Amino acid sequence: MSAAEGTGWPEGVPPVGALVRDTRKNCDAVVMAAIGTYVQLRPVKGGTEWDAKPKDIRALTAREELSARMSVRNTAMQLRVGGQ
């Protein structure tokens, strides 16, 4: 999905596990749940969840998703190496 397509999910709600960008916080996140009129998001690298309105989130572009996944992987590798 390209950035131009925006939030093309049914009823404006992405599926659980989708990688999205909260445009208000300018933060990449994972969709944890959709409750009422809000979507619960968690930072890609983990942390405290927050609520966002569906209109304020969009799918990551392929490039953004790759970057987010690599960031998570690099963090995990650093923890593994540093923990030995």
PDB file of N, CA and C in Angstrom:
ATOM      1  N   MET A   1       0.848  -1.181   0.000  1.00  0.00           N
ATOM      2  CA  MET A   1       0.000   0.000   0.000  1.00  0.00           C
ATOM      3  C   MET A   1       0.886   1.235   0.000  1.00  0.00           C
ATOM      4  N   SER A   2       0.620   2.152  -0.855  1.00  0.00           N
ATOM      5  CA  SER A   2       1.420   3.374  -0.902  1.00  0.00           C
ATOM      6  C   SER A   2       0.873   4.400   0.075  1.00  0.00           C
ATOM      7  N   ALA A   3       1.695   5.374   0.386  1.00  0.00           N
ATOM      8  CA  ALA A   3       1.274   6.418   1.318  1.00  0.00           C
ATOM      9  C   ALA A   3       0.075   7.179   0.774  1.00  0.00           C
ATOM     10  N   ALA A   4      -0.032   7.266  -0.532  1.00  0.00           N
ATOM     11  CA  ALA A   4      -1.136   8.004  -1.138  1.00  0.00           C
ATOM     12  C   ALA A   4      -2.475   7.314  -0.911  1.00  0.00           C
ATOM     13  N   GLU A   5      -2.433   6.010  -0.661  1.00  0.00           N
ATOM     14  CA  GLU A   5      -3.683   5.290  -0.448  1.00  0.00           C
ATOM     15  C   GLU A   5      -4.266   5.552   0.932  1.00  0.00           C
ATOM     16  N   GLY A   6      -3.432   6.022   1.862  1.00  0.00           N
ATOM     17  CA  GLY A   6      -3.930   6.379   3.182  1.00  0.00           C
ATOM     18  C   GLY A   6      -4.481   5.191   3.946  1.00  0.00           C
ATOM     19  N   THR A   7      -5.528   5.442   4.712  1.00  0.00           N
ATOM     20  CA  THR A   7      -6.104   4.394   5.548  1.00  0.00           C
ATOM     21  C   THR A   7      -7.192   3.666   4.774  1.00  0.00           C
ATOM     22  N   GLY A   8      -6.811   2.774   3.890  1.00  0.00           N
ATOM     23  CA  GLY A   8      -7.761   2.060   3.056  1.00  0.00           C
ATOM     24  C   GLY A   8      -8.322   0.809   3.693  1.00  0.00           C
ATOM     25  N   TRP A   9      -8.316   0.729   5.005  1.00  0.00           N
ATOM     26  CA  TRP A   9      -8.837  -0.450   5.677  1.00  0.00           C
ATOM     27  C   TRP A   9     -10.358  -0.379   5.782  1.00  0.00           C
ATOM     28  N   PRO A  10     -11.009  -1.538   5.883  1.00  0.00           N
ATOM     29  CA  PRO A  10     -12.464  -1.523   6.057  1.00  0.00           C
ATOM     30  C   PRO A  10     -12.849  -0.690   7.273  1.00  0.00           C
ATOM     31  N   GLU A  11     -13.807   0.166   7.112  1.00  0.00           N
ATOM     32  CA  GLU A  11     -14.324   1.027   8.184  1.00  0.00           C
ATOM     33  C   GLU A  11     -13.229   1.871   8.825  1.00  0.00           C
ATOM     34  N   GLY A  12     -12.101   2.080   8.109  1.00  0.00           N
ATOM     35  CA  GLY A  12     -11.039   2.926   8.626  1.00  0.00           C
ATOM     36  C   GLY A  12     -10.201   2.302   9.723  1.00  0.00           C
ATOM     37  N   VAL A  13     -10.324   0.998   9.968  1.00  0.00           N
ATOM     38  CA  VAL A  13      -9.603   0.359  11.060  1.00  0.00           C
ATOM     39  C   VAL A  13      -8.642  -0.698  10.505  1.00  0.00           C
ATOM     40  N   PRO A  14      -7.354  -0.557  10.787  1.00  0.00           N
ATOM     41  CA  PRO A  14      -6.390  -1.558  10.316  1.00  0.00           C
ATOM     42  C   PRO A  14      -6.478  -2.835  11.136  1.00  0.00           C
ATOM     43  N   PRO A  15      -6.035  -3.962  10.588  1.00  0.00           N
ATOM     44  CA  PRO A  15      -6.066  -5.215  11.340  1.00  0.00           C
ATOM     45  C   PRO A  15      -5.023  -5.238  12.456  1.00  0.00           C
ATOM     46  N   VAL A  16      -5.287  -6.016  13.479  1.00  0.00           N
ATOM     47  CA  VAL A  16      -4.333  -6.193  14.574  1.00  0.00           C
ATOM     48  C   VAL A  16      -3.022  -6.726  13.990  1.00  0.00           C
ATOM     49  N   GLY A  17      -1.914  -6.156  14.424  1.00  0.00           N
ATOM     50  CA  GLY A  17      -0.599  -6.556  13.941  1.00  0.00           C
ATOM     51  C   GLY A  17      -0.076  -5.712  12.797  1.00  0.00           C
ATOM     52  N   ALA A  18      -0.926  -4.872  12.215  1.00  0.00           N
ATOM     53  CA  ALA A  18      -0.500  -4.021  11.101  1.00  0.00           C
ATOM     54  C   ALA A  18       0.490  -2.963  11.597  1.00  0.00           C
ATOM     55  N   LEU A  19       1.459  -2.655  10.760  1.00  0.00           N
ATOM     56  CA  LEU A  19       2.389  -1.567  11.061  1.00  0.00           C
ATOM     57  C   LEU A  19       1.811  -0.281  10.477  1.00  0.00           C
ATOM     58  N   VAL A  20       1.742   0.744  11.307  1.00  0.00           N
ATOM     59  CA  VAL A  20       1.131   2.010  10.906  1.00  0.00           C
ATOM     60  C   VAL A  20       1.982   3.178  11.389  1.00  0.00           C
ATOM     61  N   ARG A  21       1.652   4.360  10.899  1.00  0.00           N
ATOM     62  CA  ARG A  21       2.264   5.599  11.372  1.00  0.00           C
ATOM     63  C   ARG A  21       1.167   6.435  12.007  1.00  0.00           C
ATOM     64  N   ASP A  22       1.385   6.822  13.262  1.00  0.00           N
ATOM     65  CA  ASP A  22       0.501   7.772  13.925  1.00  0.00           C
ATOM     66  C   ASP A  22       0.969   9.143  13.463  1.00  0.00           C
ATOM     67  N   THR A  23       0.177   9.783  12.626  1.00  0.00           N
ATOM     68  CA  THR A  23       0.599  11.056  12.036  1.00  0.00           C
ATOM     69  C   THR A  23       0.606  12.199  13.046  1.00  0.00           C
ATOM     70  N   ARG A  24      -0.150  12.075  14.113  1.00  0.00           N
ATOM     71  CA  ARG A  24      -0.134  13.130  15.140  1.00  0.00           C
ATOM     72  C   ARG A  24       1.155  13.091  15.940  1.00  0.00           C
ATOM     73  N   LYS A  25       1.637  11.857  16.250  1.00  0.00           N
ATOM     74  CA  LYS A  25       2.871  11.702  17.028  1.00  0.00           C
ATOM     75  C   LYS A  25       4.091  11.518  16.131  1.00  0.00           C
ATOM     76  N   ASN A  26       3.859  11.329  14.827  1.00  0.00           N
ATOM     77  CA  ASN A  26       4.930  11.026  13.873  1.00  0.00           C
ATOM     78  C   ASN A  26       5.744   9.835  14.366  1.00  0.00           C
ATOM     79  N   CYS A  27       5.014   8.757  14.705  1.00  0.00           N
ATOM     80  CA  CYS A  27       5.626   7.587  15.317  1.00  0.00           C
ATOM     81  C   CYS A  27       5.101   6.321  14.640  1.00  0.00           C
ATOM     82  N   ASP A  28       6.013   5.384  14.335  1.00  0.00           N
ATOM     83  CA  ASP A  28       5.611   4.092  13.788  1.00  0.00           C
ATOM     84  C   ASP A  28       5.148   3.201  14.925  1.00  0.00           C
ATOM     85  N   ALA A  29       4.113   2.398  14.650  1.00  0.00           N
ATOM     86  CA  ALA A  29       3.524   1.591  15.708  1.00  0.00           C
ATOM     87  C   ALA A  29       2.893   0.321  15.142  1.00  0.00           C
ATOM     88  N   VAL A  30       2.575  -0.588  16.064  1.00  0.00           N
ATOM     89  CA  VAL A  30       1.869  -1.825  15.745  1.00  0.00           C
ATOM     90  C   VAL A  30       0.452  -1.696  16.292  1.00  0.00           C
ATOM     91  N   VAL A  31      -0.525  -2.084  15.499  1.00  0.00           N
ATOM     92  CA  VAL A  31      -1.916  -2.059  15.954  1.00  0.00           C
ATOM     93  C   VAL A  31      -2.125  -3.211  16.928  1.00  0.00           C
ATOM     94  N   MET A  32      -2.592  -2.891  18.131  1.00  0.00           N
ATOM     95  CA  MET A  32      -2.824  -3.898  19.164  1.00  0.00           C
ATOM     96  C   MET A  32      -4.305  -4.256  19.286  1.00  0.00           C
ATOM     97  N   ALA A  33      -5.184  -3.287  19.042  1.00  0.00           N
ATOM     98  CA  ALA A  33      -6.624  -3.526  19.163  1.00  0.00           C
ATOM     99  C   ALA A  33      -7.372  -2.323  18.612  1.00  0.00           C
ATOM    100  N   ALA A  34      -8.640  -2.553  18.328  1.00  0.00           N
ATOM    101  CA  ALA A  34      -9.545  -1.460  17.964  1.00  0.00           C
ATOM    102  C   ALA A  34     -10.694  -1.515  18.956  1.00  0.00           C
ATOM    103  N   ILE A  35     -10.834  -0.454  19.736  1.00  0.00           N
ATOM    104  CA  ILE A  35     -11.850  -0.415  20.772  1.00  0.00           C
ATOM    105  C   ILE A  35     -12.666   0.848  20.597  1.00  0.00           C
ATOM    106  N   GLY A  36     -13.957   0.672  20.372  1.00  0.00           N
ATOM    107  CA  GLY A  36     -14.820   1.827  20.174  1.00  0.00           C
ATOM    108  C   GLY A  36     -14.375   2.635  18.977  1.00  0.00           C
ATOM    109  N   THR A  37     -14.150   3.900  19.189  1.00  0.00           N
ATOM    110  CA  THR A  37     -13.746   4.782  18.089  1.00  0.00           C
ATOM    111  C   THR A  37     -12.237   4.999  18.043  1.00  0.00           C
ATOM    112  N   TYR A  38     -11.489   4.223  18.804  1.00  0.00           N
ATOM    113  CA  TYR A  38     -10.038   4.373  18.847  1.00  0.00           C
ATOM    114  C   TYR A  38      -9.319   3.088  18.465  1.00  0.00           C
ATOM    115  N   VAL A  39      -8.078   3.256  18.036  1.00  0.00           N
ATOM    116  CA  VAL A  39      -7.192   2.134  17.744  1.00  0.00           C
ATOM    117  C   VAL A  39      -6.064   2.205  18.761  1.00  0.00           C
ATOM    118  N   GLN A  40      -5.776   1.079  19.416  1.00  0.00           N
ATOM    119  CA  GLN A  40      -4.674   1.049  20.367  1.00  0.00           C
ATOM    120  C   GLN A  40      -3.393   0.683  19.639  1.00  0.00           C
ATOM    121  N   LEU A  41      -2.366   1.494  19.849  1.00  0.00           N
ATOM    122  CA  LEU A  41      -1.083   1.328  19.186  1.00  0.00           C
ATOM    123  C   LEU A  41       0.022   1.135  20.211  1.00  0.00           C
ATOM    124  N   ARG A  42       1.062   0.422  19.808  1.00  0.00           N
ATOM    125  CA  ARG A  42       2.258   0.250  20.635  1.00  0.00           C
ATOM    126  C   ARG A  42       3.466   0.563  19.755  1.00  0.00           C
ATOM    127  N   PRO A  43       4.469   1.248  20.297  1.00  0.00           N
ATOM    128  CA  PRO A  43       5.663   1.535  19.499  1.00  0.00           C
ATOM    129  C   PRO A  43       6.251   0.248  18.908  1.00  0.00           C
ATOM    130  N   VAL A  44       6.824   0.341  17.733  1.00  0.00           N
ATOM    131  CA  VAL A  44       7.373  -0.822  17.041  1.00  0.00           C
ATOM    132  C   VAL A  44       8.406  -1.537  17.918  1.00  0.00           C
ATOM    133  N   LYS A  45       9.214  -0.782  18.653  1.00  0.00           N
ATOM    134  CA  LYS A  45      10.245  -1.394  19.495  1.00  0.00           C
ATOM    135  C   LYS A  45       9.735  -1.780  20.881  1.00  0.00           C
ATOM    136  N   GLY A  46       8.434  -1.661  21.102  1.00  0.00           N
ATOM    137  CA  GLY A  46       7.855  -1.990  22.408  1.00  0.00           C
ATOM    138  C   GLY A  46       7.665  -0.740  23.242  1.00  0.00           C
ATOM    139  N   GLY A  47       6.880  -0.871  24.277  1.00  0.00           N
ATOM    140  CA  GLY A  47       6.629   0.269  25.147  1.00  0.00           C
ATOM    141  C   GLY A  47       5.157   0.389  25.474  1.00  0.00           C
ATOM    142  N   THR A  48       4.782   1.525  25.987  1.00  0.00           N
ATOM    143  CA  THR A  48       3.427   1.780  26.438  1.00  0.00           C
ATOM    144  C   THR A  48       2.487   2.042  25.271  1.00  0.00           C
ATOM    145  N   GLU A  49       1.322   1.413  25.332  1.00  0.00           N
ATOM    146  CA  GLU A  49       0.306   1.619  24.294  1.00  0.00           C
ATOM    147  C   GLU A  49      -0.345   2.983  24.453  1.00  0.00           C
ATOM    148  N   TRP A  50      -0.902   3.473  23.348  1.00  0.00           N
ATOM    149  CA  TRP A  50      -1.684   4.698  23.381  1.00  0.00           C
ATOM    150  C   TRP A  50      -2.849   4.556  22.411  1.00  0.00           C
ATOM    151  N   ASP A  51      -3.822   5.418  22.570  1.00  0.00           N
ATOM    152  CA  ASP A  51      -4.999   5.422  21.699  1.00  0.00           C
ATOM    153  C   ASP A  51      -4.830   6.460  20.602  1.00  0.00           C
ATOM    154  N   ALA A  52      -5.292   6.103  19.418  1.00  0.00           N
ATOM    155  CA  ALA A  52      -5.270   7.027  18.289  1.00  0.00           C
ATOM    156  C   ALA A  52      -6.589   6.900  17.534  1.00  0.00           C
ATOM    157  N   LYS A  53      -6.984   7.974  16.909  1.00  0.00           N
ATOM    158  CA  LYS A  53      -8.174   7.933  16.061  1.00  0.00           C
ATOM    159  C   LYS A  53      -7.784   7.355  14.706  1.00  0.00           C
ATOM    160  N   PRO A  54      -8.643   6.539  14.106  1.00  0.00           N
ATOM    161  CA  PRO A  54      -8.320   5.956  12.796  1.00  0.00           C
ATOM    162  C   PRO A  54      -7.931   6.997  11.749  1.00  0.00           C
ATOM    163  N   LYS A  55      -8.505   8.200  11.823  1.00  0.00           N
ATOM    164  CA  LYS A  55      -8.174   9.234  10.835  1.00  0.00           C
ATOM    165  C   LYS A  55      -6.737   9.747  10.985  1.00  0.00           C
ATOM    166  N   ASP A  56      -6.118   9.472  12.148  1.00  0.00           N
ATOM    167  CA  ASP A  56      -4.764   9.950  12.406  1.00  0.00           C
ATOM    168  C   ASP A  56      -3.689   8.903  12.150  1.00  0.00           C
ATOM    169  N   ILE A  57      -4.078   7.755  11.598  1.00  0.00           N
ATOM    170  CA  ILE A  57      -3.076   6.733  11.294  1.00  0.00           C
ATOM    171  C   ILE A  57      -3.142   6.360   9.820  1.00  0.00           C
ATOM    172  N   ARG A  58      -2.005   5.875   9.340  1.00  0.00           N
ATOM    173  CA  ARG A  58      -1.945   5.408   7.963  1.00  0.00           C
ATOM    174  C   ARG A  58      -1.000   4.217   7.909  1.00  0.00           C
ATOM    175  N   ALA A  59      -1.151   3.414   6.870  1.00  0.00           N
ATOM    176  CA  ALA A  59      -0.250   2.283   6.661  1.00  0.00           C
ATOM    177  C   ALA A  59       1.142   2.805   6.344  1.00  0.00           C
ATOM    178  N   LEU A  60       2.156   2.041   6.747  1.00  0.00           N
ATOM    179  CA  LEU A  60       3.522   2.400   6.371  1.00  0.00           C
ATOM    180  C   LEU A  60       3.737   2.089   4.899  1.00  0.00           C
ATOM    181  N   THR A  61       4.556   2.877   4.260  1.00  0.00           N
ATOM    182  CA  THR A  61       4.971   2.545   2.896  1.00  0.00           C
ATOM    183  C   THR A  61       5.890   1.327   2.990  1.00  0.00           C
ATOM    184  N   ALA A  62       6.170   0.689   1.884  1.00  0.00           N
ATOM    185  CA  ALA A  62       7.062  -0.471   1.889  1.00  0.00           C
ATOM    186  C   ALA A  62       8.428  -0.089   2.458  1.00  0.00           C
ATOM    187  N   ARG A  63       8.930   1.065   2.085  1.00  0.00           N
ATOM    188  CA  ARG A  63      10.234   1.530   2.579  1.00  0.00           C
ATOM    189  C   ARG A  63      10.190   1.773   4.085  1.00  0.00           C
ATOM    190  N   GLU A  64       9.127   2.413   4.571  1.00  0.00           N
ATOM    191  CA  GLU A  64       8.994   2.678   6.000  1.00  0.00           C
ATOM    192  C   GLU A  64       8.874   1.372   6.788  1.00  0.00           C
ATOM    193  N   GLU A  65       8.130   0.422   6.238  1.00  0.00           N
ATOM    194  CA  GLU A  65       7.964  -0.864   6.923  1.00  0.00           C
ATOM    195  C   GLU A  65       9.298  -1.605   7.009  1.00  0.00           C
ATOM    196  N   LEU A  66      10.054  -1.616   5.927  1.00  0.00           N
ATOM    197  CA  LEU A  66      11.365  -2.262   5.943  1.00  0.00           C
ATOM    198  C   LEU A  66      12.269  -1.603   6.981  1.00  0.00           C
ATOM    199  N   SER A  67      12.271  -0.293   7.025  1.00  0.00           N
ATOM    200  CA  SER A  67      13.081   0.436   7.988  1.00  0.00           C
ATOM    201  C   SER A  67      12.680   0.094   9.419  1.00  0.00           C
ATOM    202  N   ALA A  68      11.374   0.042   9.684  1.00  0.00           N
ATOM    203  CA  ALA A  68      10.886  -0.285  11.027  1.00  0.00           C
ATOM    204  C   ALA A  68      11.285  -1.705  11.417  1.00  0.00           C
ATOM    205  N   ARG A  69      11.128  -2.653  10.501  1.00  0.00           N
ATOM    206  CA  ARG A  69      11.485  -4.043  10.795  1.00  0.00           C
ATOM    207  C   ARG A  69      12.990  -4.196  11.030  1.00  0.00           C
ATOM    208  N   MET A  70      13.808  -3.495  10.254  1.00  0.00           N
ATOM    209  CA  MET A  70      15.254  -3.564  10.441  1.00  0.00           C
ATOM    210  C   MET A  70      15.665  -2.935  11.770  1.00  0.00           C
ATOM    211  N   SER A  71      15.004  -1.873  12.161  1.00  0.00           N
ATOM    212  CA  SER A  71      15.296  -1.226  13.429  1.00  0.00           C
ATOM    213  C   SER A  71      15.025  -2.178  14.594  1.00  0.00           C
ATOM    214  N   VAL A  72      13.901  -2.872  14.528  1.00  0.00           N
ATOM    215  CA  VAL A  72      13.562  -3.849  15.569  1.00  0.00           C
ATOM    216  C   VAL A  72      14.595  -4.969  15.588  1.00  0.00           C
ATOM    217  N   ARG A  73      14.968  -5.460  14.420  1.00  0.00           N
ATOM    218  CA  ARG A  73      15.942  -6.554  14.333  1.00  0.00           C
ATOM    219  C   ARG A  73      17.309  -6.115  14.865  1.00  0.00           C
ATOM    220  N   ASN A  74      17.733  -4.905  14.496  1.00  0.00           N
ATOM    221  CA  ASN A  74      19.022  -4.404  14.975  1.00  0.00           C
ATOM    222  C   ASN A  74      19.034  -4.246  16.490  1.00  0.00           C
ATOM    223  N   THR A  75      17.932  -3.774  17.055  1.00  0.00           N
ATOM    224  CA  THR A  75      17.830  -3.633  18.507  1.00  0.00           C
ATOM    225  C   THR A  75      17.923  -4.993  19.176  1.00  0.00           C
ATOM    226  N   ALA A  76      17.235  -5.987  18.622  1.00  0.00           N
ATOM    227  CA  ALA A  76      17.276  -7.338  19.183  1.00  0.00           C
ATOM    228  C   ALA A  76      18.691  -7.906  19.111  1.00  0.00           C
ATOM    229  N   MET A  77      19.383  -7.670  18.007  1.00  0.00           N
ATOM    230  CA  MET A  77      20.754  -8.167  17.854  1.00  0.00           C
ATOM    231  C   MET A  77      21.694  -7.492  18.866  1.00  0.00           C
ATOM    232  N   GLN A  78      21.522  -6.203  19.083  1.00  0.00           N
ATOM    233  CA  GLN A  78      22.355  -5.485  20.040  1.00  0.00           C
ATOM    234  C   GLN A  78      22.133  -6.011  21.452  1.00  0.00           C
ATOM    235  N   LEU A  79      20.891  -6.301  21.785  1.00  0.00           N
ATOM    236  CA  LEU A  79      20.589  -6.846  23.102  1.00  0.00           C
ATOM    237  C   LEU A  79      21.201  -8.231  23.271  1.00  0.00           C
ATOM    238  N   ARG A  80      21.140  -9.035  22.215  1.00  0.00           N
ATOM    239  CA  ARG A  80      21.683 -10.391  22.262  1.00  0.00           C
ATOM    240  C   ARG A  80      23.195 -10.345  22.421  1.00  0.00           C
ATOM    241  N   VAL A  81      23.853  -9.511  21.638  1.00  0.00           N
ATOM    242  CA  VAL A  81      25.316  -9.409  21.704  1.00  0.00           C
ATOM    243  C   VAL A  81      25.749  -8.792  23.023  1.00  0.00           C
ATOM    244  N   GLY A  82      25.057  -7.755  23.451  1.00  0.00           N
ATOM    245  CA  GLY A  82      25.408  -7.080  24.698  1.00  0.00           C
ATOM    246  C   GLY A  82      25.122  -7.931  25.925  1.00  0.00           C
ATOM    247  N   GLY A  83      24.194  -8.878  25.803  1.00  0.00           N
ATOM    248  CA  GLY A  83      23.816  -9.715  26.944  1.00  0.00           C
ATOM    249  C   GLY A  83      24.722 -10.902  27.157  1.00  0.00           C
ATOM    250  N   GLN A  84      25.683 -11.150  26.243  1.00  0.00           N
ATOM    251  CA  GLN A  84      26.572 -12.313  26.379  1.00  0.00           C
ATOM    252  C   GLN A  84      27.734 -12.018  27.272  1.00  0.00           C
TER     253      GLN A  84
END
